[in-house]
Amino acid sequence: MSTAKDIADRVAAAGYETVATRRVSDQAWEAYYDPIDARIALLRPGASEELAAVLDEAEREAALWRAHSHETGYLLSVVRPA
């Protein structure tokens, strides 16, 4: 895990400058996870043991994001050579 400053420092150390950044919004994450949740609900009945394990993991990932979205996220960065 890194802060925005840590990421900018690593970008600079690699010989680039940060032009712009944007945090992936909670709305974007919900737009990602909501269809996955719906698909899991469709696949869950009658799922094989192997598929159920994959569905369980996907549910855990979404639950972790929802529980900790205020603490973590993705930072999109536009960079160019310095």
PDB file of N, CA and C in Angstrom:
ATOM      1  N   MET A   1       0.842  -1.164   0.000  1.00  0.00           N
ATOM      2  CA  MET A   1       0.000   0.000   0.000  1.00  0.00           C
ATOM      3  C   MET A   1       0.892   1.233   0.000  1.00  0.00           C
ATOM      4  N   SER A   2       0.429   2.220  -0.744  1.00  0.00           N
ATOM      5  CA  SER A   2       1.194   3.449  -0.866  1.00  0.00           C
ATOM      6  C   SER A   2       0.267   4.653  -0.755  1.00  0.00           C
ATOM      7  N   THR A   3       0.857   5.766  -0.404  1.00  0.00           N
ATOM      8  CA  THR A   3       0.121   7.026  -0.439  1.00  0.00           C
ATOM      9  C   THR A   3       0.327   7.659  -1.814  1.00  0.00           C
ATOM     10  N   ALA A   4      -0.453   8.679  -2.116  1.00  0.00           N
ATOM     11  CA  ALA A   4      -0.285   9.397  -3.378  1.00  0.00           C
ATOM     12  C   ALA A   4       1.123   9.975  -3.469  1.00  0.00           C
ATOM     13  N   LYS A   5       1.658  10.468  -2.355  1.00  0.00           N
ATOM     14  CA  LYS A   5       3.020  11.013  -2.353  1.00  0.00           C
ATOM     15  C   LYS A   5       4.042   9.919  -2.633  1.00  0.00           C
ATOM     16  N   ASP A   6       3.869   8.742  -2.029  1.00  0.00           N
ATOM     17  CA  ASP A   6       4.780   7.623  -2.287  1.00  0.00           C
ATOM     18  C   ASP A   6       4.789   7.255  -3.774  1.00  0.00           C
ATOM     19  N   ILE A   7       3.617   7.248  -4.378  1.00  0.00           N
ATOM     20  CA  ILE A   7       3.522   6.912  -5.798  1.00  0.00           C
ATOM     21  C   ILE A   7       4.221   7.986  -6.630  1.00  0.00           C
ATOM     22  N   ALA A   8       3.965   9.251  -6.330  1.00  0.00           N
ATOM     23  CA  ALA A   8       4.619  10.338  -7.056  1.00  0.00           C
ATOM     24  C   ALA A   8       6.130  10.272  -6.905  1.00  0.00           C
ATOM     25  N   ASP A   9       6.608   9.926  -5.723  1.00  0.00           N
ATOM     26  CA  ASP A   9       8.050   9.789  -5.493  1.00  0.00           C
ATOM     27  C   ASP A   9       8.629   8.654  -6.334  1.00  0.00           C
ATOM     28  N   ARG A  10       7.925   7.542  -6.439  1.00  0.00           N
ATOM     29  CA  ARG A  10       8.405   6.416  -7.245  1.00  0.00           C
ATOM     30  C   ARG A  10       8.392   6.764  -8.730  1.00  0.00           C
ATOM     31  N   VAL A  11       7.363   7.501  -9.154  1.00  0.00           N
ATOM     32  CA  VAL A  11       7.298   7.956 -10.545  1.00  0.00           C
ATOM     33  C   VAL A  11       8.505   8.845 -10.844  1.00  0.00           C
ATOM     34  N   ALA A  12       8.795   9.792  -9.950  1.00  0.00           N
ATOM     35  CA  ALA A  12       9.932  10.693 -10.132  1.00  0.00           C
ATOM     36  C   ALA A  12      11.252   9.931 -10.132  1.00  0.00           C
ATOM     37  N   ALA A  13      11.371   8.968  -9.247  1.00  0.00           N
ATOM     38  CA  ALA A  13      12.601   8.178  -9.170  1.00  0.00           C
ATOM     39  C   ALA A  13      12.841   7.378 -10.450  1.00  0.00           C
ATOM     40  N   ALA A  14      11.761   7.056 -11.157  1.00  0.00           N
ATOM     41  CA  ALA A  14      11.873   6.317 -12.415  1.00  0.00           C
ATOM     42  C   ALA A  14      12.119   7.244 -13.601  1.00  0.00           C
ATOM     43  N   GLY A  15      12.224   8.565 -13.343  1.00  0.00           N
ATOM     44  CA  GLY A  15      12.527   9.511 -14.406  1.00  0.00           C
ATOM     45  C   GLY A  15      11.312  10.108 -15.090  1.00  0.00           C
ATOM     46  N   TYR A  16      10.181  10.080 -14.418  1.00  0.00           N
ATOM     47  CA  TYR A  16       8.946  10.633 -14.986  1.00  0.00           C
ATOM     48  C   TYR A  16       8.395  11.715 -14.075  1.00  0.00           C
ATOM     49  N   GLU A  17       7.519  12.521 -14.619  1.00  0.00           N
ATOM     50  CA  GLU A  17       6.815  13.490 -13.793  1.00  0.00           C
ATOM     51  C   GLU A  17       5.327  13.185 -13.864  1.00  0.00           C
ATOM     52  N   THR A  18       4.648  13.409 -12.771  1.00  0.00           N
ATOM     53  CA  THR A  18       3.214  13.193 -12.711  1.00  0.00           C
ATOM     54  C   THR A  18       2.509  14.412 -13.268  1.00  0.00           C
ATOM     55  N   VAL A  19       1.674  14.203 -14.273  1.00  0.00           N
ATOM     56  CA  VAL A  19       0.924  15.283 -14.904  1.00  0.00           C
ATOM     57  C   VAL A  19      -0.426  15.457 -14.211  1.00  0.00           C
ATOM     58  N   ALA A  20      -1.080  14.353 -13.902  1.00  0.00           N
ATOM     59  CA  ALA A  20      -2.394  14.407 -13.264  1.00  0.00           C
ATOM     60  C   ALA A  20      -2.666  13.085 -12.560  1.00  0.00           C
ATOM     61  N   THR A  21      -3.506  13.138 -11.561  1.00  0.00           N
ATOM     62  CA  THR A  21      -3.946  11.926 -10.873  1.00  0.00           C
ATOM     63  C   THR A  21      -5.445  12.018 -10.621  1.00  0.00           C
ATOM     64  N   ARG A  22      -6.034  10.859 -10.441  1.00  0.00           N
ATOM     65  CA  ARG A  22      -7.447  10.789 -10.088  1.00  0.00           C
ATOM     66  C   ARG A  22      -7.683   9.483  -9.341  1.00  0.00           C
ATOM     67  N   ARG A  23      -8.359   9.589  -8.225  1.00  0.00           N
ATOM     68  CA  ARG A  23      -8.728   8.406  -7.450  1.00  0.00           C
ATOM     69  C   ARG A  23      -9.944   7.769  -8.100  1.00  0.00           C
ATOM     70  N   VAL A  24      -9.947   6.445  -8.203  1.00  0.00           N
ATOM     71  CA  VAL A  24     -11.120   5.745  -8.709  1.00  0.00           C
ATOM     72  C   VAL A  24     -12.224   5.911  -7.667  1.00  0.00           C
ATOM     73  N   SER A  25     -13.347   6.460  -8.080  1.00  0.00           N
ATOM     74  CA  SER A  25     -14.417   6.817  -7.157  1.00  0.00           C
ATOM     75  C   SER A  25     -15.162   5.594  -6.623  1.00  0.00           C
ATOM     76  N   ASP A  26     -15.844   5.808  -5.508  1.00  0.00           N
ATOM     77  CA  ASP A  26     -16.685   4.742  -4.952  1.00  0.00           C
ATOM     78  C   ASP A  26     -17.784   4.358  -5.937  1.00  0.00           C
ATOM     79  N   GLN A  27     -18.308   5.325  -6.674  1.00  0.00           N
ATOM     80  CA  GLN A  27     -19.327   5.023  -7.674  1.00  0.00           C
ATOM     81  C   GLN A  27     -18.775   4.079  -8.744  1.00  0.00           C
ATOM     82  N   ALA A  28     -17.548   4.299  -9.140  1.00  0.00           N
ATOM     83  CA  ALA A  28     -16.930   3.419 -10.137  1.00  0.00           C
ATOM     84  C   ALA A  28     -16.773   2.009  -9.581  1.00  0.00           C
ATOM     85  N   TRP A  29     -16.355   1.905  -8.323  1.00  0.00           N
ATOM     86  CA  TRP A  29     -16.223   0.583  -7.708  1.00  0.00           C
ATOM     87  C   TRP A  29     -17.570  -0.119  -7.612  1.00  0.00           C
ATOM     88  N   GLU A  30     -18.614   0.600  -7.235  1.00  0.00           N
ATOM     89  CA  GLU A  30     -19.950   0.000  -7.172  1.00  0.00           C
ATOM     90  C   GLU A  30     -20.402  -0.445  -8.559  1.00  0.00           C
ATOM     91  N   ALA A  31     -20.094   0.359  -9.570  1.00  0.00           N
ATOM     92  CA  ALA A  31     -20.442  -0.021 -10.940  1.00  0.00           C
ATOM     93  C   ALA A  31     -19.687  -1.275 -11.371  1.00  0.00           C
ATOM     94  N   TYR A  32     -18.543  -1.527 -10.779  1.00  0.00           N
ATOM     95  CA  TYR A  32     -17.765  -2.747 -11.042  1.00  0.00           C
ATOM     96  C   TYR A  32     -18.329  -3.924 -10.252  1.00  0.00           C
ATOM     97  N   TYR A  33     -18.545  -3.726  -8.959  1.00  0.00           N
ATOM     98  CA  TYR A  33     -18.948  -4.846  -8.100  1.00  0.00           C
ATOM     99  C   TYR A  33     -20.421  -5.224  -8.212  1.00  0.00           C
ATOM    100  N   ASP A  34     -21.318  -4.287  -8.453  1.00  0.00           N
ATOM    101  CA  ASP A  34     -22.744  -4.615  -8.513  1.00  0.00           C
ATOM    102  C   ASP A  34     -23.068  -5.681  -9.562  1.00  0.00           C
ATOM    103  N   PRO A  35     -22.566  -5.567 -10.803  1.00  0.00           N
ATOM    104  CA  PRO A  35     -22.851  -6.627 -11.775  1.00  0.00           C
ATOM    105  C   PRO A  35     -22.212  -7.974 -11.389  1.00  0.00           C
ATOM    106  N   ILE A  36     -21.068  -7.909 -10.741  1.00  0.00           N
ATOM    107  CA  ILE A  36     -20.430  -9.149 -10.283  1.00  0.00           C
ATOM    108  C   ILE A  36     -21.306  -9.806  -9.221  1.00  0.00           C
ATOM    109  N   ASP A  37     -21.814  -9.012  -8.292  1.00  0.00           N
ATOM    110  CA  ASP A  37     -22.709  -9.549  -7.267  1.00  0.00           C
ATOM    111  C   ASP A  37     -23.933 -10.208  -7.901  1.00  0.00           C
ATOM    112  N   ALA A  38     -24.502  -9.549  -8.901  1.00  0.00           N
ATOM    113  CA  ALA A  38     -25.679 -10.103  -9.578  1.00  0.00           C
ATOM    114  C   ALA A  38     -25.340 -11.407 -10.280  1.00  0.00           C
ATOM    115  N   ARG A  39     -24.190 -11.469 -10.906  1.00  0.00           N
ATOM    116  CA  ARG A  39     -23.772 -12.694 -11.608  1.00  0.00           C
ATOM    117  C   ARG A  39     -23.516 -13.821 -10.614  1.00  0.00           C
ATOM    118  N   ILE A  40     -22.929 -13.506  -9.489  1.00  0.00           N
ATOM    119  CA  ILE A  40     -22.704 -14.506  -8.439  1.00  0.00           C
ATOM    120  C   ILE A  40     -24.041 -15.095  -7.997  1.00  0.00           C
ATOM    121  N   ALA A  41     -25.030 -14.240  -7.796  1.00  0.00           N
ATOM    122  CA  ALA A  41     -26.352 -14.713  -7.367  1.00  0.00           C
ATOM    123  C   ALA A  41     -26.960 -15.663  -8.401  1.00  0.00           C
ATOM    124  N   LEU A  42     -26.710 -15.392  -9.685  1.00  0.00           N
ATOM    125  CA  LEU A  42     -27.222 -16.278 -10.734  1.00  0.00           C
ATOM    126  C   LEU A  42     -26.475 -17.609 -10.790  1.00  0.00           C
ATOM    127  N   LEU A  43     -25.183 -17.564 -10.546  1.00  0.00           N
ATOM    128  CA  LEU A  43     -24.353 -18.767 -10.661  1.00  0.00           C
ATOM    129  C   LEU A  43     -24.360 -19.631  -9.404  1.00  0.00           C
ATOM    130  N   ARG A  44     -24.657 -19.049  -8.259  1.00  0.00           N
ATOM    131  CA  ARG A  44     -24.548 -19.761  -6.985  1.00  0.00           C
ATOM    132  C   ARG A  44     -25.421 -21.027  -6.928  1.00  0.00           C
ATOM    133  N   PRO A  45     -26.711 -20.975  -7.294  1.00  0.00           N
ATOM    134  CA  PRO A  45     -27.519 -22.196  -7.209  1.00  0.00           C
ATOM    135  C   PRO A  45     -26.959 -23.281  -8.137  1.00  0.00           C
ATOM    136  N   GLY A  46     -26.688 -24.410  -7.576  1.00  0.00           N
ATOM    137  CA  GLY A  46     -26.183 -25.537  -8.363  1.00  0.00           C
ATOM    138  C   GLY A  46     -24.723 -25.448  -8.747  1.00  0.00           C
ATOM    139  N   ALA A  47     -23.994 -24.490  -8.189  1.00  0.00           N
ATOM    140  CA  ALA A  47     -22.571 -24.343  -8.527  1.00  0.00           C
ATOM    141  C   ALA A  47     -21.786 -25.546  -8.028  1.00  0.00           C
ATOM    142  N   SER A  48     -20.823 -25.954  -8.821  1.00  0.00           N
ATOM    143  CA  SER A  48     -19.921 -27.025  -8.391  1.00  0.00           C
ATOM    144  C   SER A  48     -19.092 -26.518  -7.213  1.00  0.00           C
ATOM    145  N   GLU A  49     -18.406 -27.419  -6.558  1.00  0.00           N
ATOM    146  CA  GLU A  49     -17.552 -27.035  -5.430  1.00  0.00           C
ATOM    147  C   GLU A  49     -16.471 -26.051  -5.869  1.00  0.00           C
ATOM    148  N   GLU A  50     -15.904 -26.309  -7.046  1.00  0.00           N
ATOM    149  CA  GLU A  50     -14.851 -25.438  -7.555  1.00  0.00           C
ATOM    150  C   GLU A  50     -15.387 -24.050  -7.872  1.00  0.00           C
ATOM    151  N   LEU A  51     -16.538 -23.983  -8.543  1.00  0.00           N
ATOM    152  CA  LEU A  51     -17.123 -22.690  -8.871  1.00  0.00           C
ATOM    153  C   LEU A  51     -17.548 -21.966  -7.600  1.00  0.00           C
ATOM    154  N   ALA A  52     -18.106 -22.682  -6.645  1.00  0.00           N
ATOM    155  CA  ALA A  52     -18.519 -22.062  -5.382  1.00  0.00           C
ATOM    156  C   ALA A  52     -17.327 -21.409  -4.692  1.00  0.00           C
ATOM    157  N   ALA A  53     -16.154 -22.036  -4.763  1.00  0.00           N
ATOM    158  CA  ALA A  53     -14.946 -21.461  -4.151  1.00  0.00           C
ATOM    159  C   ALA A  53     -14.578 -20.146  -4.842  1.00  0.00           C
ATOM    160  N   VAL A  54     -14.689 -20.086  -6.155  1.00  0.00           N
ATOM    161  CA  VAL A  54     -14.391 -18.864  -6.896  1.00  0.00           C
ATOM    162  C   VAL A  54     -15.414 -17.777  -6.554  1.00  0.00           C
ATOM    163  N   LEU A  55     -16.670 -18.157  -6.476  1.00  0.00           N
ATOM    164  CA  LEU A  55     -17.722 -17.191  -6.133  1.00  0.00           C
ATOM    165  C   LEU A  55     -17.524 -16.665  -4.719  1.00  0.00           C
ATOM    166  N   ASP A  56     -17.140 -17.553  -3.799  1.00  0.00           N
ATOM    167  CA  ASP A  56     -16.866 -17.133  -2.425  1.00  0.00           C
ATOM    168  C   ASP A  56     -15.759 -16.089  -2.392  1.00  0.00           C
ATOM    169  N   GLU A  57     -14.706 -16.325  -3.155  1.00  0.00           N
ATOM    170  CA  GLU A  57     -13.577 -15.396  -3.178  1.00  0.00           C
ATOM    171  C   GLU A  57     -13.995 -14.043  -3.757  1.00  0.00           C
ATOM    172  N   ALA A  58     -14.798 -14.066  -4.807  1.00  0.00           N
ATOM    173  CA  ALA A  58     -15.274 -12.808  -5.396  1.00  0.00           C
ATOM    174  C   ALA A  58     -16.147 -12.043  -4.395  1.00  0.00           C
ATOM    175  N   GLU A  59     -16.981 -12.754  -3.663  1.00  0.00           N
ATOM    176  CA  GLU A  59     -17.805 -12.106  -2.634  1.00  0.00           C
ATOM    177  C   GLU A  59     -16.944 -11.520  -1.527  1.00  0.00           C
ATOM    178  N   ARG A  60     -15.898 -12.225  -1.137  1.00  0.00           N
ATOM    179  CA  ARG A  60     -14.987 -11.719  -0.095  1.00  0.00           C
ATOM    180  C   ARG A  60     -14.299 -10.436  -0.552  1.00  0.00           C
ATOM    181  N   GLU A  61     -13.864 -10.435  -1.808  1.00  0.00           N
ATOM    182  CA  GLU A  61     -13.197  -9.241  -2.338  1.00  0.00           C
ATOM    183  C   GLU A  61     -14.132  -8.034  -2.280  1.00  0.00           C
ATOM    184  N   ALA A  62     -15.361  -8.191  -2.746  1.00  0.00           N
ATOM    185  CA  ALA A  62     -16.319  -7.087  -2.736  1.00  0.00           C
ATOM    186  C   ALA A  62     -16.628  -6.656  -1.304  1.00  0.00           C
ATOM    187  N   ALA A  63     -16.782  -7.613  -0.409  1.00  0.00           N
ATOM    188  CA  ALA A  63     -17.083  -7.290   0.994  1.00  0.00           C
ATOM    189  C   ALA A  63     -15.922  -6.529   1.639  1.00  0.00           C
ATOM    190  N   LEU A  64     -14.703  -6.928   1.334  1.00  0.00           N
ATOM    191  CA  LEU A  64     -13.541  -6.221   1.874  1.00  0.00           C
ATOM    192  C   LEU A  64     -13.488  -4.791   1.356  1.00  0.00           C
ATOM    193  N   TRP A  65     -13.742  -4.612   0.068  1.00  0.00           N
ATOM    194  CA  TRP A  65     -13.738  -3.251  -0.458  1.00  0.00           C
ATOM    195  C   TRP A  65     -14.815  -2.423   0.237  1.00  0.00           C
ATOM    196  N   ARG A  66     -16.008  -2.978   0.363  1.00  0.00           N
ATOM    197  CA  ARG A  66     -17.096  -2.222   0.989  1.00  0.00           C
ATOM    198  C   ARG A  66     -16.779  -1.882   2.450  1.00  0.00           C
ATOM    199  N   ALA A  67     -16.122  -2.783   3.133  1.00  0.00           N
ATOM    200  CA  ALA A  67     -15.782  -2.547   4.541  1.00  0.00           C
ATOM    201  C   ALA A  67     -14.646  -1.533   4.697  1.00  0.00           C
ATOM    202  N   HIS A  68     -13.782  -1.423   3.690  1.00  0.00           N
ATOM    203  CA  HIS A  68     -12.576  -0.598   3.836  1.00  0.00           C
ATOM    204  C   HIS A  68     -12.405   0.439   2.721  1.00  0.00           C
ATOM    205  N   SER A  69     -13.486   0.756   2.006  1.00  0.00           N
ATOM    206  CA  SER A  69     -13.357   1.690   0.881  1.00  0.00           C
ATOM    207  C   SER A  69     -12.846   3.059   1.308  1.00  0.00           C
ATOM    208  N   HIS A  70     -13.088   3.428   2.542  1.00  0.00           N
ATOM    209  CA  HIS A  70     -12.611   4.726   3.039  1.00  0.00           C
ATOM    210  C   HIS A  70     -11.110   4.715   3.340  1.00  0.00           C
ATOM    211  N   GLU A  71     -10.502   3.530   3.331  1.00  0.00           N
ATOM    212  CA  GLU A  71      -9.077   3.400   3.663  1.00  0.00           C
ATOM    213  C   GLU A  71      -8.202   3.057   2.469  1.00  0.00           C
ATOM    214  N   THR A  72      -8.794   2.610   1.389  1.00  0.00           N
ATOM    215  CA  THR A  72      -7.997   2.091   0.284  1.00  0.00           C
ATOM    216  C   THR A  72      -8.634   2.448  -1.042  1.00  0.00           C
ATOM    217  N   GLY A  73      -7.875   2.315  -2.111  1.00  0.00           N
ATOM    218  CA  GLY A  73      -8.410   2.588  -3.435  1.00  0.00           C
ATOM    219  C   GLY A  73      -7.308   2.529  -4.478  1.00  0.00           C
ATOM    220  N   TYR A  74      -7.647   2.963  -5.659  1.00  0.00           N
ATOM    221  CA  TYR A  74      -6.694   3.028  -6.752  1.00  0.00           C
ATOM    222  C   TYR A  74      -6.503   4.478  -7.146  1.00  0.00           C
ATOM    223  N   LEU A  75      -5.276   4.839  -7.447  1.00  0.00           N
ATOM    224  CA  LEU A  75      -4.952   6.168  -7.929  1.00  0.00           C
ATOM    225  C   LEU A  75      -4.481   6.021  -9.372  1.00  0.00           C
ATOM    226  N   LEU A  76      -5.231   6.606 -10.290  1.00  0.00           N
ATOM    227  CA  LEU A  76      -4.816   6.625 -11.689  1.00  0.00           C
ATOM    228  C   LEU A  76      -3.857   7.790 -11.882  1.00  0.00           C
ATOM    229  N   SER A  77      -2.764   7.536 -12.566  1.00  0.00           N
ATOM    230  CA  SER A  77      -1.751   8.578 -12.756  1.00  0.00           C
ATOM    231  C   SER A  77      -1.409   8.716 -14.232  1.00  0.00           C
ATOM    232  N   VAL A  78      -1.353   9.950 -14.692  1.00  0.00           N
ATOM    233  CA  VAL A  78      -0.850  10.261 -16.030  1.00  0.00           C
ATOM    234  C   VAL A  78       0.550  10.803 -15.829  1.00  0.00           C
ATOM    235  N   VAL A  79       1.516  10.159 -16.457  1.00  0.00           N
ATOM    236  CA  VAL A  79       2.908  10.568 -16.278  1.00  0.00           C
ATOM    237  C   VAL A  79       3.574  10.755 -17.643  1.00  0.00           C
ATOM    238  N   ARG A  80       4.688  11.485 -17.641  1.00  0.00           N
ATOM    239  CA  ARG A  80       5.471  11.673 -18.863  1.00  0.00           C
ATOM    240  C   ARG A  80       6.949  11.718 -18.468  1.00  0.00           C
ATOM    241  N   PRO A  81       7.816  11.496 -19.440  1.00  0.00           N
ATOM    242  CA  PRO A  81       9.241  11.583 -19.125  1.00  0.00           C
ATOM    243  C   PRO A  81       9.576  12.971 -18.590  1.00  0.00           C
ATOM    244  N   ALA A  82      10.437  12.991 -17.594  1.00  0.00           N
ATOM    245  CA  ALA A  82      10.821  14.275 -16.974  1.00  0.00           C
ATOM    246  C   ALA A  82      11.758  15.045 -17.869  1.00  0.00           C
TER     247      ALA A  82
END
